[in-house]
C-alpha atoms as a PDB file:
ATOM      1  CA  MET A   1     -47.561 -23.218  -8.955  1.00  0.00           C
ATOM      2  CA  LYS A   2     -43.553 -22.710  -7.586  1.00  0.00           C
ATOM      3  CA  PHE A   3     -41.990 -24.355  -5.304  1.00  0.00           C
ATOM      4  CA  THR A   4     -38.683 -23.459  -4.385  1.00  0.00           C
ATOM      5  CA  LEU A   5     -37.960 -19.850  -2.736  1.00  0.00           C
ATOM      6  CA  GLU A   6     -35.977 -17.491  -5.292  1.00  0.00           C
ATOM      7  CA  PRO A   7     -34.419 -14.486  -3.559  1.00  0.00           C
ATOM      8  CA  PRO A   8     -35.151 -11.129  -4.843  1.00  0.00           C
ATOM      9  CA  SER A   9     -33.179  -9.937  -7.824  1.00  0.00           C
ATOM     10  CA  ARG A  10     -31.924  -6.763  -9.323  1.00  0.00           C
ATOM     11  CA  HIS A  11     -30.160  -8.503 -11.765  1.00  0.00           C
ATOM     12  CA  ASN A  12     -32.244 -10.349 -15.684  1.00  0.00           C
ATOM     13  CA  LEU A  13     -32.268 -13.438 -14.834  1.00  0.00           C
ATOM     14  CA  ILE A  14     -33.404 -15.903 -17.981  1.00  0.00           C
ATOM     15  CA  ARG A  15     -36.546 -18.299 -15.641  1.00  0.00           C
ATOM     16  CA  SER A  16     -37.281 -20.293 -18.944  1.00  0.00           C
ATOM     17  CA  TYR A  17     -36.983 -20.874 -22.549  1.00  0.00           C
ATOM     18  CA  SER A  18     -38.400 -22.511 -25.558  1.00  0.00           C
ATOM     19  CA  ASP A  19     -39.132 -22.780 -29.205  1.00  0.00           C
ATOM     20  CA  HIS A  20     -42.159 -19.828 -28.873  1.00  0.00           C
ATOM     21  CA  GLU A  21     -40.565 -17.761 -25.573  1.00  0.00           C
ATOM     22  CA  ILE A  22     -37.718 -17.159 -23.293  1.00  0.00           C
ATOM     23  CA  VAL A  23     -39.402 -15.899 -19.944  1.00  0.00           C
ATOM     24  CA  ILE A  24     -36.113 -13.093 -18.463  1.00  0.00           C
ATOM     25  CA  GLY A  25     -37.533 -12.529 -15.021  1.00  0.00           C
ATOM     26  CA  GLU A  26     -41.659 -11.943 -15.494  1.00  0.00           C
ATOM     27  CA  GLN A  27     -41.108 -10.723 -18.646  1.00  0.00           C
ATOM     28  CA  ARG A  28     -41.992 -13.072 -22.549  1.00  0.00           C
ATOM     29  CA  VAL A  29     -40.719 -12.330 -25.118  1.00  0.00           C
ATOM     30  CA  HIS A  30     -41.651 -13.805 -28.574  1.00  0.00           C
ATOM     31  CA  ARG A  31     -38.465 -12.391 -30.460  1.00  0.00           C
ATOM     32  CA  SER A  32     -35.312 -12.211 -30.585  1.00  0.00           C
ATOM     33  CA  CYS A  33     -34.014 -10.217 -27.567  1.00  0.00           C
ATOM     34  CA  ILE A  34     -30.421  -8.556 -26.035  1.00  0.00           C
ATOM     35  CA  VAL A  35     -30.647  -9.254 -22.647  1.00  0.00           C
ATOM     36  CA  THR A  36     -27.743  -8.299 -19.812  1.00  0.00           C
ATOM     37  CA  ALA A  37     -28.064  -8.391 -16.013  1.00  0.00           C
ATOM     38  CA  GLU A  38     -29.724  -4.474 -16.236  1.00  0.00           C
ATOM     39  CA  ARG A  39     -30.889  -4.179 -19.621  1.00  0.00           C
ATOM     40  CA  LEU A  40     -33.543  -6.027 -21.711  1.00  0.00           C
ATOM     41  CA  ILE A  41     -33.911  -4.851 -25.568  1.00  0.00           C
ATOM     42  CA  THR A  42     -36.669  -7.062 -27.392  1.00  0.00           C
ATOM     43  CA  ASP A  43     -37.345  -4.643 -30.484  1.00  0.00           C
ATOM     44  CA  TRP A  44     -34.208  -6.124 -32.275  1.00  0.00           C
ATOM     45  CA  GLU A  45     -33.463  -6.440 -35.379  1.00  0.00           C
ATOM     46  CA  PRO A  46     -32.747  -9.513 -36.981  1.00  0.00           C
ATOM     47  CA  GLN A  47     -35.673 -12.175 -36.238  1.00  0.00           C
ATOM     48  CA  GLU A  48     -33.851 -14.766 -37.105  1.00  0.00           C
ATOM     49  CA  PHE A  49     -30.238 -15.748 -36.644  1.00  0.00           C
ATOM     50  CA  ALA A  50     -29.467 -16.451 -40.544  1.00  0.00           C
ATOM     51  CA  ALA A  51     -30.114 -11.907 -40.676  1.00  0.00           C
ATOM     52  CA  LEU A  52     -27.609 -11.582 -38.377  1.00  0.00           C
ATOM     53  CA  ALA A  53     -24.897  -9.058 -40.118  1.00  0.00           C
ATOM     54  CA  LEU A  54     -22.713  -6.366 -38.546  1.00  0.00           C
ATOM     55  CA  SER A  55     -24.899  -3.805 -38.396  1.00  0.00           C
ATOM     56  CA  HIS A  56     -26.499  -5.237 -35.329  1.00  0.00           C
ATOM     57  CA  LEU A  57     -23.525  -5.229 -33.550  1.00  0.00           C
ATOM     58  CA  GLU A  58     -23.915  -1.294 -32.485  1.00  0.00           C
ATOM     59  CA  ALA A  59     -27.058  -1.950 -30.075  1.00  0.00           C
ATOM     60  CA  LEU A  60     -24.928  -4.770 -28.318  1.00  0.00           C
ATOM     61  CA  LEU A  61     -21.485  -2.517 -28.212  1.00  0.00           C
ATOM     62  CA  ALA A  62     -23.666   0.002 -26.847  1.00  0.00           C
ATOM     63  CA  LEU A  63     -23.971  -1.924 -23.354  1.00  0.00           C
ATOM     64  CA  GLU A  64     -20.280  -2.503 -23.287  1.00  0.00           C
ATOM     65  CA  PRO A  65     -20.054  -5.873 -22.413  1.00  0.00           C
ATOM     66  CA  GLU A  66     -17.086  -7.803 -21.935  1.00  0.00           C
ATOM     67  CA  LEU A  67     -18.857 -11.743 -23.309  1.00  0.00           C
ATOM     68  CA  VAL A  68     -21.212 -11.539 -26.471  1.00  0.00           C
ATOM     69  CA  LEU A  69     -23.197 -14.947 -26.409  1.00  0.00           C
ATOM     70  CA  LEU A  70     -24.848 -15.447 -29.196  1.00  0.00           C
ATOM     71  CA  GLY A  71     -27.864 -18.272 -29.005  1.00  0.00           C
ATOM     72  CA  THR A  72     -28.443 -19.117 -32.338  1.00  0.00           C
ATOM     73  CA  GLY A  73     -31.849 -20.569 -31.511  1.00  0.00           C
ATOM     74  CA  ALA A  74     -32.689 -25.492 -31.642  1.00  0.00           C
ATOM     75  CA  SER A  75     -29.015 -25.848 -33.168  1.00  0.00           C
ATOM     76  CA  GLN A  76     -25.303 -24.224 -32.603  1.00  0.00           C
ATOM     77  CA  ARG A  77     -24.890 -22.234 -35.979  1.00  0.00           C
ATOM     78  CA  PHE A  78     -21.517 -20.270 -35.605  1.00  0.00           C
ATOM     79  CA  ALA A  79     -21.780 -16.015 -36.380  1.00  0.00           C
ATOM     80  CA  PRO A  80     -20.009 -14.966 -39.462  1.00  0.00           C
ATOM     81  CA  ALA A  81     -16.548 -14.368 -39.864  1.00  0.00           C
ATOM     82  CA  ALA A  82     -16.691 -10.312 -40.137  1.00  0.00           C
ATOM     83  CA  LEU A  83     -18.748 -10.226 -36.761  1.00  0.00           C
ATOM     84  CA  ARG A  84     -15.786 -12.538 -35.142  1.00  0.00           C
ATOM     85  CA  ALA A  85     -13.643 -10.300 -36.395  1.00  0.00           C
ATOM     86  CA  ALA A  86     -15.225  -6.926 -35.689  1.00  0.00           C
ATOM     87  CA  LEU A  87     -15.948  -8.093 -32.191  1.00  0.00           C
ATOM     88  CA  THR A  88     -12.272  -9.646 -31.280  1.00  0.00           C
ATOM     89  CA  GLU A  89     -11.329  -5.307 -32.876  1.00  0.00           C
ATOM     90  CA  ARG A  90     -12.131  -4.356 -29.978  1.00  0.00           C
ATOM     91  CA  GLY A  91     -11.354  -6.557 -27.857  1.00  0.00           C
ATOM     92  CA  VAL A  92     -14.931  -7.892 -26.850  1.00  0.00           C
ATOM     93  CA  GLY A  93     -15.250 -12.323 -25.869  1.00  0.00           C
ATOM     94  CA  LEU A  94     -17.982 -14.180 -28.951  1.00  0.00           C
ATOM     95  CA  GLU A  95     -19.667 -17.629 -27.944  1.00  0.00           C
ATOM     96  CA  ALA A  96     -21.749 -18.788 -29.850  1.00  0.00           C
ATOM     97  CA  MET A  97     -24.378 -22.308 -28.650  1.00  0.00           C
ATOM     98  CA  HIS A  98     -27.850 -23.435 -28.821  1.00  0.00           C
ATOM     99  CA  LEU A  99     -30.427 -21.285 -27.249  1.00  0.00           C
ATOM    100  CA  GLY A 100     -31.211 -23.402 -24.619  1.00  0.00           C
ATOM    101  CA  ALA A 101     -26.909 -23.157 -23.344  1.00  0.00           C
ATOM    102  CA  ALA A 102     -26.735 -19.393 -23.842  1.00  0.00           C
ATOM    103  CA  CYS A 103     -29.483 -19.277 -21.340  1.00  0.00           C
ATOM    104  CA  ARG A 104     -27.931 -20.857 -18.853  1.00  0.00           C
ATOM    105  CA  THR A 105     -24.556 -19.758 -19.578  1.00  0.00           C
ATOM    106  CA  PHE A 106     -25.608 -16.299 -19.193  1.00  0.00           C
ATOM    107  CA  ASN A 107     -27.536 -17.039 -15.956  1.00  0.00           C
ATOM    108  CA  VAL A 108     -24.419 -18.155 -14.400  1.00  0.00           C
ATOM    109  CA  LEU A 109     -21.711 -15.097 -16.095  1.00  0.00           C
ATOM    110  CA  VAL A 110     -24.899 -12.622 -14.237  1.00  0.00           C
ATOM    111  CA  GLN A 111     -24.161 -14.053 -10.614  1.00  0.00           C
ATOM    112  CA  GLU A 112     -20.482 -14.253 -11.256  1.00  0.00           C
ATOM    113  CA  GLU A 113     -21.450 -10.210 -12.421  1.00  0.00           C
ATOM    114  CA  ARG A 114     -19.877 -10.344 -15.478  1.00  0.00           C
ATOM    115  CA  ARG A 115     -20.175  -7.884 -18.162  1.00  0.00           C
ATOM    116  CA  VAL A 116     -22.655 -10.188 -20.192  1.00  0.00           C
ATOM    117  CA  ALA A 117     -25.094  -9.256 -23.201  1.00  0.00           C
ATOM    118  CA  ALA A 118     -26.825 -12.146 -24.495  1.00  0.00           C
ATOM    119  CA  ALA A 119     -28.077 -12.380 -28.166  1.00  0.00           C
ATOM    120  CA  LEU A 120     -30.894 -14.757 -28.199  1.00  0.00           C
ATOM    121  CA  PHE A 121     -33.154 -15.965 -31.276  1.00  0.00           C
ATOM    122  CA  LEU A 122     -35.813 -18.451 -31.308  1.00  0.00           C
ATOM    123  CA  ARG A 123     -35.009 -19.270 -35.440  1.00  0.00           C
END
């Protein structure tokens, strides 16, 4: 049961997260994903943060974000140096934080109408 009135939004907003799922709008996601205000990509590889490689950036960069948030699971981890350098080279900001902080930050930035893409990992 909902206890609060939520105005309709044309943007993807993260409603909740746990160690096993992320709820984006009305969709439940049980794997790593990329989310922007307008798009949700649930068939993105890798499945865990440790497997994140430079080749995985293309899906993110195709969305033309000004900032990429990495939600690294239950604890904060940092992106490999090559990945950070590739984003910096293209003028895209990068912030890595644990999943909860990334979800909350994403919602704030979307509501500020920033061009943000979040790569979210459950593991």
